[in-house]
Amino acid sequence: MRKLVVLIAIVALFAVPAYAEVQNVKVSGDITLRGLHRAGTNLGAPLGASTVNGGADMFFMSTVRVKVDADLTDNVSTCVRLVNEKDWGSNSASIPGVLTNSGVASPYNVGVDLAYVTMKEFLYQPLTLTLGRQPVVFGKGFIVGNNVYAWDPNNSIGANEYSTFTAFDGIRATLDYNPWTIDAIYLVISEPNSLLKLVGPSMDDTKTKTGIDMMGVNVGYKFSEYSGEAEAYYFFSRDHQSAQWPFVDPALKSELNVVGLRGSFEPIANLSLWGEGAYQFGHTLNADRFTAPTDRRDVSAWACDFGLQYIFSDYAWKPKLGGEIIAYSGEKNPTSATGKYKGWIPTPTGKFDTAIFEFLNLPTGLGYNTGDLYAPSGLTNNIQYSVFGAIQPTESIGVSARYTHLRLVRSLANDYTVDSTGAAHTRSKHLGDEVDVMMTYDYTEDVQFGLLGAVFFPGDYYDDSTGVDPDVKSTATDHRLVGSVKVSF
């Protein structure tokens, strides 16, 4: 009888819901409306692939976000943000006439963008623990900063690069030993078929896992002078699903390590310098992890980002001027089964500096995702030389512009054109040039209007789409015009 009473007491204890005492609740959010015009996306497809989607389209989209932050007792806080994003007029289960992902659209669905718990001084005063769906950005977001797999989960917008779903499901532990900061993370980036793990021989059977996860450590230090900071990091990611990115051989999966250093400082007033370099190593595997070693390719790749900016503070319009070089190593034979894979396999980067090029060959609904392994991508095998600037004519008006010259780092094997005589010619390394101009107008403290104009001029790499004459390149420019209004509350 005593055992029965104890058992009932234990069951009752766990059955009683726990209520946290709320100290403070903050509700905020924003509504963003955009009008988009896109044209000239037909740049020609390399290696004889079919032509990518061309023509022009014009549509409107809206993003609505509501965020609730709550401070509880004992240094515990929560954050939940709900989001609806849809193209105007998408009232049915499909969106005709818009370049969007395949599948069934759900324009009226409300998704959970953020849902995490923060516990400060968790078991140890310098330790902060964050659990759940959370934003994770290190440095400028060059390596970790945006979960591209979370974009547009309802398949309801035609411009996925504007999706607000960028967070990660995971765990983050932060040790604050000012001026040192140590972060450890475990992130589940993608898990498309999580139930498959339950039907395999065991819960840990890697053959049945299909997602992508990442873990790692980031160590930062802030200097007392020159506004200096430095970071060193190590991240390990395991890809259990095929085709992590469209330009990686769909038969391969990867286990990758990334080590890197990042730093920034101001040697003199108004001058900022920054730099970051990362090395990627590990291996790719055939879709079956336990195949012969001949199906394994070791990875040896690199990426870097260096830049500077100067603010002319003595002038009324507060002009800024800067330059930046971003580069990713390239692979000559992406479909080969042997030899080292030297192309940078993209991490969940959050650093996008161009409005068009860096979204090439990504599943963003831009019409570039051709499935062609040789199609140029914005996040591998390219080098970007950029000059940028900004002015502020009034307190409420801002204008910024960026010019980027783009080239391949490495020419690709078999990526050639054939002229009228039947001779093969390797494509040029000149990918193109892009100009982006952004204007903002702060109507009030809560309302901002924006206008983005972007043009991508194809380089000599994009020859005549018929492949008849390699000296005749595509003349179709790719351009964007995006107007927006954002109201915050």
Foldseek 3Di string as FASTA:
>chain_A
DVVVVVVVVVVVVVPDDDDFAWDDKDKKWKKKKKKKKWFLPFFFDFPPFDTFDHGIDIWMKMKTKMKMKTDTPQQKIKIWMKMAIATPPCPAQDDPPALFDDDTADRPDIDIQWTKMWHACVVHHQKIKIAFWAFDADDLQAAHGFLLVQFRPRRGDLFSVPGPNTTWHWMWMWGDPVQKIKIKIKTFSDFPDQCQCVPDPHNPPLLSGATKMKIWMKMKGADPPQRKMKIKMKMWMWGLHACPALLAHRQKTWIKMKIKMKMWGHPDPQKIWIKMKMWMWGWIAGNPNPDDPLQIAIETWMKMKIKMKGFPVVDPFRKMKMKMKIAIEAAQENPDRDYHGYKDDGHRGDDDDAPPQQCACGNRSPRRVSSDSPGDHNGIQKMKIKIKMKTHPDPFKIKIKMKIWMFGPDFHPSRWFAAQVRDTDGFGRGQWMKMKMKMKGPPDPFKMKMKIKMKTAGDLNAADNVSHHSVHHDRRIIMMIMIMMMGMD
